[in-house]
C-alpha atoms as a PDB file:
ATOM      1  CA  MET A   1     -82.369 -71.349   1.828  1.00  0.00           C
ATOM      2  CA  ARG A   2     -81.231 -73.610   4.641  1.00  0.00           C
ATOM      3  CA  SER A   3     -81.009 -70.715   7.139  1.00  0.00           C
ATOM      4  CA  ALA A   4     -83.118 -68.942   9.732  1.00  0.00           C
ATOM      5  CA  CYS A   5     -85.382 -67.653   6.995  1.00  0.00           C
ATOM      6  CA  GLY A   6     -86.080 -71.256   5.966  1.00  0.00           C
ATOM      7  CA  THR A   7     -88.718 -71.610   8.674  1.00  0.00           C
ATOM      8  CA  VAL A   8     -90.500 -68.453   7.518  1.00  0.00           C
ATOM      9  CA  TRP A   9     -90.408 -69.606   3.916  1.00  0.00           C
ATOM     10  CA  LEU A  10     -91.750 -73.008   4.880  1.00  0.00           C
ATOM     11  CA  LEU A  11     -94.686 -71.412   6.687  1.00  0.00           C
ATOM     12  CA  LEU A  12     -95.444 -69.266   3.655  1.00  0.00           C
ATOM     13  CA  ALA A  13     -95.226 -72.304   1.414  1.00  0.00           C
ATOM     14  CA  ALA A  14     -97.608 -74.206   3.680  1.00  0.00           C
ATOM     15  CA  CYS A  15    -100.128 -71.385   3.436  1.00  0.00           C
ATOM     16  CA  LEU A  16     -99.992 -71.461  -0.359  1.00  0.00           C
ATOM     17  CA  LEU A  17    -100.130 -75.239  -0.477  1.00  0.00           C
ATOM     18  CA  ALA A  18    -103.229 -75.457   1.703  1.00  0.00           C
ATOM     19  CA  ALA A  19    -106.177 -75.675  -0.667  1.00  0.00           C
ATOM     20  CA  CYS A  20    -109.152 -77.859  -1.371  1.00  0.00           C
ATOM     21  CA  SER A  21    -108.771 -80.729  -3.795  1.00  0.00           C
ATOM     22  CA  PRO A  22    -110.751 -80.563  -7.022  1.00  0.00           C
ATOM     23  CA  SER A  23    -114.215 -82.072  -7.158  1.00  0.00           C
ATOM     24  CA  ALA A  24    -114.812 -85.687  -8.122  1.00  0.00           C
ATOM     25  CA  VAL A  25    -113.006 -86.707 -11.285  1.00  0.00           C
ATOM     26  CA  ARG A  26    -114.096 -89.113 -13.984  1.00  0.00           C
ATOM     27  CA  PRO A  27    -112.437 -90.825 -16.939  1.00  0.00           C
ATOM     28  CA  ASP A  28    -114.055 -90.401 -20.337  1.00  0.00           C
ATOM     29  CA  ARG A  29    -112.859 -91.609 -23.745  1.00  0.00           C
ATOM     30  CA  GLN A  30    -114.386 -88.683 -25.593  1.00  0.00           C
ATOM     31  CA  LEU A  31    -112.731 -86.250 -23.219  1.00  0.00           C
ATOM     32  CA  LEU A  32    -109.412 -88.038 -23.679  1.00  0.00           C
ATOM     33  CA  ALA A  33    -109.779 -87.587 -27.436  1.00  0.00           C
ATOM     34  CA  ALA A  34    -110.580 -83.898 -26.926  1.00  0.00           C
ATOM     35  CA  GLN A  35    -107.562 -83.606 -24.639  1.00  0.00           C
ATOM     36  CA  GLY A  36    -105.366 -85.060 -27.370  1.00  0.00           C
ATOM     37  CA  ALA A  37    -106.569 -82.366 -29.770  1.00  0.00           C
ATOM     38  CA  ARG A  38    -106.041 -79.714 -27.108  1.00  0.00           C
ATOM     39  CA  GLU A  39    -102.493 -80.920 -26.448  1.00  0.00           C
ATOM     40  CA  HIS A  40    -101.755 -80.847 -30.185  1.00  0.00           C
ATOM     41  CA  LYS A  41    -102.868 -77.211 -30.274  1.00  0.00           C
ATOM     42  CA  LEU A  42    -100.870 -76.297 -27.167  1.00  0.00           C
ATOM     43  CA  ALA A  43     -97.744 -77.916 -28.607  1.00  0.00           C
ATOM     44  CA  THR A  44     -97.770 -75.279 -31.339  1.00  0.00           C
ATOM     45  CA  LEU A  45     -97.928 -72.503 -28.714  1.00  0.00           C
ATOM     46  CA  ASP A  46     -94.379 -72.986 -27.446  1.00  0.00           C
ATOM     47  CA  SER A  47     -93.564 -69.343 -26.634  1.00  0.00           C
ATOM     48  CA  TRP A  48     -95.272 -68.059 -23.486  1.00  0.00           C
ATOM     49  CA  THR A  49     -94.844 -66.128 -20.258  1.00  0.00           C
ATOM     50  CA  VAL A  50     -96.393 -66.939 -16.895  1.00  0.00           C
ATOM     51  CA  HIS A  51     -96.654 -64.589 -13.915  1.00  0.00           C
ATOM     52  CA  ALA A  52     -97.449 -66.623 -10.833  1.00  0.00           C
ATOM     53  CA  ARG A  53     -96.929 -67.382  -7.174  1.00  0.00           C
ATOM     54  CA  LEU A  54     -94.829 -70.460  -6.522  1.00  0.00           C
ATOM     55  CA  ALA A  55     -94.510 -72.520  -3.351  1.00  0.00           C
ATOM     56  CA  VAL A  56     -92.154 -75.482  -2.960  1.00  0.00           C
ATOM     57  CA  SER A  57     -91.755 -77.793   0.040  1.00  0.00           C
ATOM     58  CA  ASN A  58     -89.890 -81.039   0.727  1.00  0.00           C
ATOM     59  CA  GLY A  59     -91.458 -81.602   4.140  1.00  0.00           C
ATOM     60  CA  THR A  60     -88.570 -79.911   5.950  1.00  0.00           C
ATOM     61  CA  ASP A  61     -87.474 -76.898   3.940  1.00  0.00           C
ATOM     62  CA  GLY A  62     -89.422 -74.819   1.486  1.00  0.00           C
ATOM     63  CA  GLY A  63     -89.673 -71.557  -0.357  1.00  0.00           C
ATOM     64  CA  SER A  64     -92.263 -69.332  -1.941  1.00  0.00           C
ATOM     65  CA  GLY A  65     -92.406 -66.165  -3.926  1.00  0.00           C
ATOM     66  CA  SER A  66     -93.456 -64.431  -7.099  1.00  0.00           C
ATOM     67  CA  LEU A  67     -92.476 -66.157 -10.315  1.00  0.00           C
ATOM     68  CA  VAL A  68     -91.896 -64.969 -13.852  1.00  0.00           C
ATOM     69  CA  TRP A  69     -91.426 -67.905 -16.225  1.00  0.00           C
ATOM     70  CA  VAL A  70     -90.546 -67.114 -19.839  1.00  0.00           C
ATOM     71  CA  HIS A  71     -90.553 -70.075 -22.203  1.00  0.00           C
ATOM     72  CA  LYS A  72     -89.259 -70.095 -25.771  1.00  0.00           C
ATOM     73  CA  PRO A  73     -88.472 -72.991 -28.124  1.00  0.00           C
ATOM     74  CA  GLY A  74     -85.404 -74.690 -26.672  1.00  0.00           C
ATOM     75  CA  ALA A  75     -84.930 -72.204 -23.830  1.00  0.00           C
ATOM     76  CA  TYR A  76     -86.511 -70.910 -20.621  1.00  0.00           C
ATOM     77  CA  ASP A  77     -85.921 -68.236 -17.985  1.00  0.00           C
ATOM     78  CA  PHE A  78     -87.373 -68.965 -14.519  1.00  0.00           C
ATOM     79  CA  VAL A  79     -87.084 -66.122 -11.949  1.00  0.00           C
ATOM     80  CA  LEU A  80     -88.333 -66.506  -8.360  1.00  0.00           C
ATOM     81  CA  GLN A  81     -88.427 -63.453  -6.081  1.00  0.00           C
ATOM     82  CA  ALA A  82     -88.738 -64.149  -2.346  1.00  0.00           C
ATOM     83  CA  PRO A  83     -91.335 -61.891  -0.661  1.00  0.00           C
ATOM     84  CA  VAL A  84     -89.750 -61.660   2.805  1.00  0.00           C
ATOM     85  CA  THR A  85     -86.005 -61.566   2.178  1.00  0.00           C
ATOM     86  CA  GLY A  86     -86.132 -59.865  -1.214  1.00  0.00           C
ATOM     87  CA  ARG A  87     -83.782 -62.534  -2.475  1.00  0.00           C
ATOM     88  CA  SER A  88     -84.204 -63.910  -5.982  1.00  0.00           C
ATOM     89  CA  PHE A  89     -83.167 -67.048  -7.819  1.00  0.00           C
ATOM     90  CA  ARG A  90     -82.863 -67.327 -11.561  1.00  0.00           C
ATOM     91  CA  LEU A  91     -82.840 -70.602 -13.467  1.00  0.00           C
ATOM     92  CA  ARG A  92     -81.992 -70.454 -17.157  1.00  0.00           C
ATOM     93  CA  GLY A  93     -81.832 -73.329 -19.591  1.00  0.00           C
ATOM     94  CA  ASP A  94     -80.683 -73.420 -23.200  1.00  0.00           C
ATOM     95  CA  ALA A  95     -79.425 -76.224 -25.467  1.00  0.00           C
ATOM     96  CA  GLY A  96     -78.887 -78.731 -22.639  1.00  0.00           C
ATOM     97  CA  GLN A  97     -77.062 -76.260 -20.355  1.00  0.00           C
ATOM     98  CA  VAL A  98     -78.687 -75.007 -17.144  1.00  0.00           C
ATOM     99  CA  ARG A  99     -77.512 -72.136 -14.920  1.00  0.00           C
ATOM    100  CA  LEU A 100     -78.834 -71.325 -11.428  1.00  0.00           C
ATOM    101  CA  GLU A 101     -78.090 -67.822 -10.116  1.00  0.00           C
ATOM    102  CA  GLY A 102     -78.716 -66.150  -6.757  1.00  0.00           C
ATOM    103  CA  LEU A 103     -76.801 -68.595  -4.562  1.00  0.00           C
ATOM    104  CA  ASP A 104     -74.430 -67.390  -1.834  1.00  0.00           C
ATOM    105  CA  ARG A 105     -71.551 -69.326  -3.342  1.00  0.00           C
ATOM    106  CA  GLY A 106     -72.163 -68.049  -6.842  1.00  0.00           C
ATOM    107  CA  PRO A 107     -73.856 -69.477  -9.950  1.00  0.00           C
ATOM    108  CA  LEU A 108     -74.165 -73.215 -10.390  1.00  0.00           C
ATOM    109  CA  GLU A 109     -74.185 -74.832 -13.831  1.00  0.00           C
ATOM    110  CA  GLY A 110     -75.060 -78.277 -15.110  1.00  0.00           C
ATOM    111  CA  GLY A 111     -77.087 -80.224 -17.611  1.00  0.00           C
ATOM    112  CA  ASP A 112     -80.193 -80.895 -15.528  1.00  0.00           C
ATOM    113  CA  ALA A 113     -82.430 -78.347 -13.787  1.00  0.00           C
ATOM    114  CA  ARG A 114     -83.905 -80.868 -11.373  1.00  0.00           C
ATOM    115  CA  THR A 115     -80.436 -81.862 -10.132  1.00  0.00           C
ATOM    116  CA  LEU A 116     -79.283 -78.248  -9.694  1.00  0.00           C
ATOM    117  CA  LEU A 117     -82.358 -77.311  -7.665  1.00  0.00           C
ATOM    118  CA  ARG A 118     -82.019 -80.398  -5.478  1.00  0.00           C
ATOM    119  CA  GLN A 119     -78.296 -79.852  -4.851  1.00  0.00           C
ATOM    120  CA  ALA A 120     -78.532 -76.116  -4.206  1.00  0.00           C
ATOM    121  CA  LEU A 121     -81.881 -75.713  -2.444  1.00  0.00           C
ATOM    122  CA  GLY A 122     -83.045 -79.197  -1.512  1.00  0.00           C
ATOM    123  CA  TRP A 123     -86.106 -78.818  -3.739  1.00  0.00           C
ATOM    124  CA  GLN A 124     -87.554 -81.561  -5.925  1.00  0.00           C
ATOM    125  CA  VAL A 125     -89.011 -79.717  -8.906  1.00  0.00           C
ATOM    126  CA  PRO A 126     -89.611 -81.829 -12.043  1.00  0.00           C
ATOM    127  CA  MET A 127     -88.798 -78.989 -14.448  1.00  0.00           C
ATOM    128  CA  GLU A 128     -88.944 -81.013 -17.669  1.00  0.00           C
ATOM    129  CA  GLN A 129     -92.396 -82.370 -16.887  1.00  0.00           C
ATOM    130  CA  LEU A 130     -93.608 -79.120 -15.295  1.00  0.00           C
ATOM    131  CA  ASP A 131     -93.057 -77.437 -18.647  1.00  0.00           C
ATOM    132  CA  TYR A 132     -95.978 -79.539 -19.923  1.00  0.00           C
ATOM    133  CA  TRP A 133     -98.003 -79.925 -16.738  1.00  0.00           C
ATOM    134  CA  VAL A 134     -98.297 -76.171 -16.254  1.00  0.00           C
ATOM    135  CA  ARG A 135    -100.144 -76.021 -19.589  1.00  0.00           C
ATOM    136  CA  GLY A 136    -102.419 -78.902 -18.640  1.00  0.00           C
ATOM    137  CA  MET A 137    -100.602 -81.392 -20.870  1.00  0.00           C
ATOM    138  CA  ARG A 138     -99.177 -84.856 -20.406  1.00  0.00           C
ATOM    139  CA  ALA A 139     -95.379 -84.858 -20.615  1.00  0.00           C
ATOM    140  CA  PRO A 140     -94.022 -87.049 -23.423  1.00  0.00           C
ATOM    141  CA  GLY A 141     -91.913 -90.144 -22.834  1.00  0.00           C
ATOM    142  CA  SER A 142     -93.796 -91.894 -20.018  1.00  0.00           C
ATOM    143  CA  PRO A 143     -97.279 -93.293 -19.310  1.00  0.00           C
ATOM    144  CA  ALA A 144     -99.832 -90.982 -17.754  1.00  0.00           C
ATOM    145  CA  GLN A 145    -103.249 -91.382 -16.174  1.00  0.00           C
ATOM    146  CA  LEU A 146    -105.543 -88.446 -16.844  1.00  0.00           C
ATOM    147  CA  LEU A 147    -108.935 -87.853 -15.242  1.00  0.00           C
ATOM    148  CA  PHE A 148    -111.431 -85.076 -15.830  1.00  0.00           C
ATOM    149  CA  GLY A 149    -113.671 -82.818 -13.806  1.00  0.00           C
ATOM    150  CA  ALA A 150    -117.225 -81.700 -14.421  1.00  0.00           C
ATOM    151  CA  ASN A 151    -115.949 -78.836 -16.601  1.00  0.00           C
ATOM    152  CA  GLY A 152    -114.552 -81.331 -19.115  1.00  0.00           C
ATOM    153  CA  LEU A 153    -110.973 -80.245 -18.412  1.00  0.00           C
ATOM    154  CA  PRO A 154    -108.217 -82.220 -16.682  1.00  0.00           C
ATOM    155  CA  ALA A 155    -108.668 -82.424 -12.917  1.00  0.00           C
ATOM    156  CA  ARG A 156    -105.913 -84.902 -12.067  1.00  0.00           C
ATOM    157  CA  LEU A 157    -102.846 -86.187 -13.878  1.00  0.00           C
ATOM    158  CA  VAL A 158    -100.644 -88.981 -12.523  1.00  0.00           C
ATOM    159  CA  GLN A 159     -97.247 -89.331 -14.198  1.00  0.00           C
ATOM    160  CA  ASP A 160     -93.695 -90.281 -13.188  1.00  0.00           C
ATOM    161  CA  GLY A 161     -94.785 -90.822  -9.595  1.00  0.00           C
ATOM    162  CA  TRP A 162     -96.274 -87.301  -9.315  1.00  0.00           C
ATOM    163  CA  ASN A 163     -99.909 -86.485  -8.661  1.00  0.00           C
ATOM    164  CA  VAL A 164    -100.863 -83.252 -10.427  1.00  0.00           C
ATOM    165  CA  GLU A 165    -104.153 -81.583  -9.535  1.00  0.00           C
ATOM    166  CA  TYR A 166    -105.725 -78.811 -11.606  1.00  0.00           C
ATOM    167  CA  ARG A 167    -107.735 -76.791  -9.137  1.00  0.00           C
ATOM    168  CA  ASP A 168    -108.852 -73.929 -11.355  1.00  0.00           C
ATOM    169  CA  TRP A 169    -108.752 -72.916 -15.008  1.00  0.00           C
ATOM    170  CA  TYR A 170    -108.863 -69.771 -17.116  1.00  0.00           C
ATOM    171  CA  GLY A 171    -112.004 -70.306 -19.140  1.00  0.00           C
ATOM    172  CA  ASP A 172    -111.495 -67.257 -21.377  1.00  0.00           C
ATOM    173  CA  THR A 173    -108.293 -68.474 -23.048  1.00  0.00           C
ATOM    174  CA  ARG A 174    -108.302 -70.567 -26.206  1.00  0.00           C
ATOM    175  CA  PRO A 175    -107.508 -73.280 -25.485  1.00  0.00           C
ATOM    176  CA  PRO A 176    -108.242 -73.090 -21.731  1.00  0.00           C
ATOM    177  CA  LEU A 177    -105.130 -72.821 -19.537  1.00  0.00           C
ATOM    178  CA  PRO A 178    -104.627 -73.717 -15.854  1.00  0.00           C
ATOM    179  CA  ARG A 179    -104.897 -71.125 -13.099  1.00  0.00           C
ATOM    180  CA  ARG A 180    -103.954 -73.320 -10.105  1.00  0.00           C
ATOM    181  CA  VAL A 181    -101.660 -76.363 -10.358  1.00  0.00           C
ATOM    182  CA  PHE A 182    -100.669 -78.504  -7.365  1.00  0.00           C
ATOM    183  CA  ALA A 183     -98.098 -81.294  -7.905  1.00  0.00           C
ATOM    184  CA  SER A 184     -97.074 -83.697  -5.140  1.00  0.00           C
ATOM    185  CA  ARG A 185     -94.946 -86.806  -4.698  1.00  0.00           C
ATOM    186  CA  ASP A 186     -94.454 -88.182  -1.198  1.00  0.00           C
ATOM    187  CA  LYS A 187     -93.255 -85.185   0.876  1.00  0.00           C
ATOM    188  CA  ASP A 188     -92.426 -83.044  -2.138  1.00  0.00           C
ATOM    189  CA  HIS A 189     -94.936 -80.385  -3.182  1.00  0.00           C
ATOM    190  CA  VAL A 190     -94.951 -77.774  -5.933  1.00  0.00           C
ATOM    191  CA  LYS A 191     -97.802 -75.264  -6.076  1.00  0.00           C
ATOM    192  CA  LEU A 192     -98.408 -72.709  -8.821  1.00  0.00           C
ATOM    193  CA  VAL A 193    -101.080 -70.019  -8.641  1.00  0.00           C
ATOM    194  CA  ILE A 194    -100.949 -68.396 -12.051  1.00  0.00           C
ATOM    195  CA  ASN A 195    -101.893 -64.717 -12.180  1.00  0.00           C
ATOM    196  CA  SER A 196    -101.612 -64.347 -15.933  1.00  0.00           C
ATOM    197  CA  TRP A 197    -100.735 -66.139 -19.153  1.00  0.00           C
ATOM    198  CA  SER A 198     -99.184 -64.488 -22.178  1.00  0.00           C
ATOM    199  CA  LEU A 199     -98.960 -66.543 -25.370  1.00  0.00           C
ATOM    200  CA  HIS A 200     -96.471 -65.179 -27.917  1.00  0.00           C
END
């Protein structure tokens, strides 16, 4: 990723990352209670597939492409296909072991997806939290500030130093699921535009 194509990828990422922020947000105790019930329901739906466009940037390097993210209890398969180079990366996790494929020097293995992505590609992607954030949930284990939009759904989530904005939702799913998720922390940005959800 740190090559001549890096500039092209960064430009593509910037295009995907450029979007309007959600409308004014507001805290509400009743909505927080409803969110708790929604999160309880979503926690039982732990097998799903997302087809999306992903853009990642650290302020210097970045990447973007089509994403297929398959999640099952205790395991995930995260495949990113680059649109310009045709190159793909595959991140698989299972029982505390993570494997990143598609690198020039061969697969890289470890116990933490965030560390592998940072070491190999220079990306800061909070995979453990993103597992929850992509569903519009607060990640367990740390405090979170959650605000709501006029639609009664989360508009902004602040957790672990990340600011997560929900810029659009699928209103026809039960419960509603995010369509556009934009997470940022300092110069690090992760943008997901979700084309489809499949709950198994």
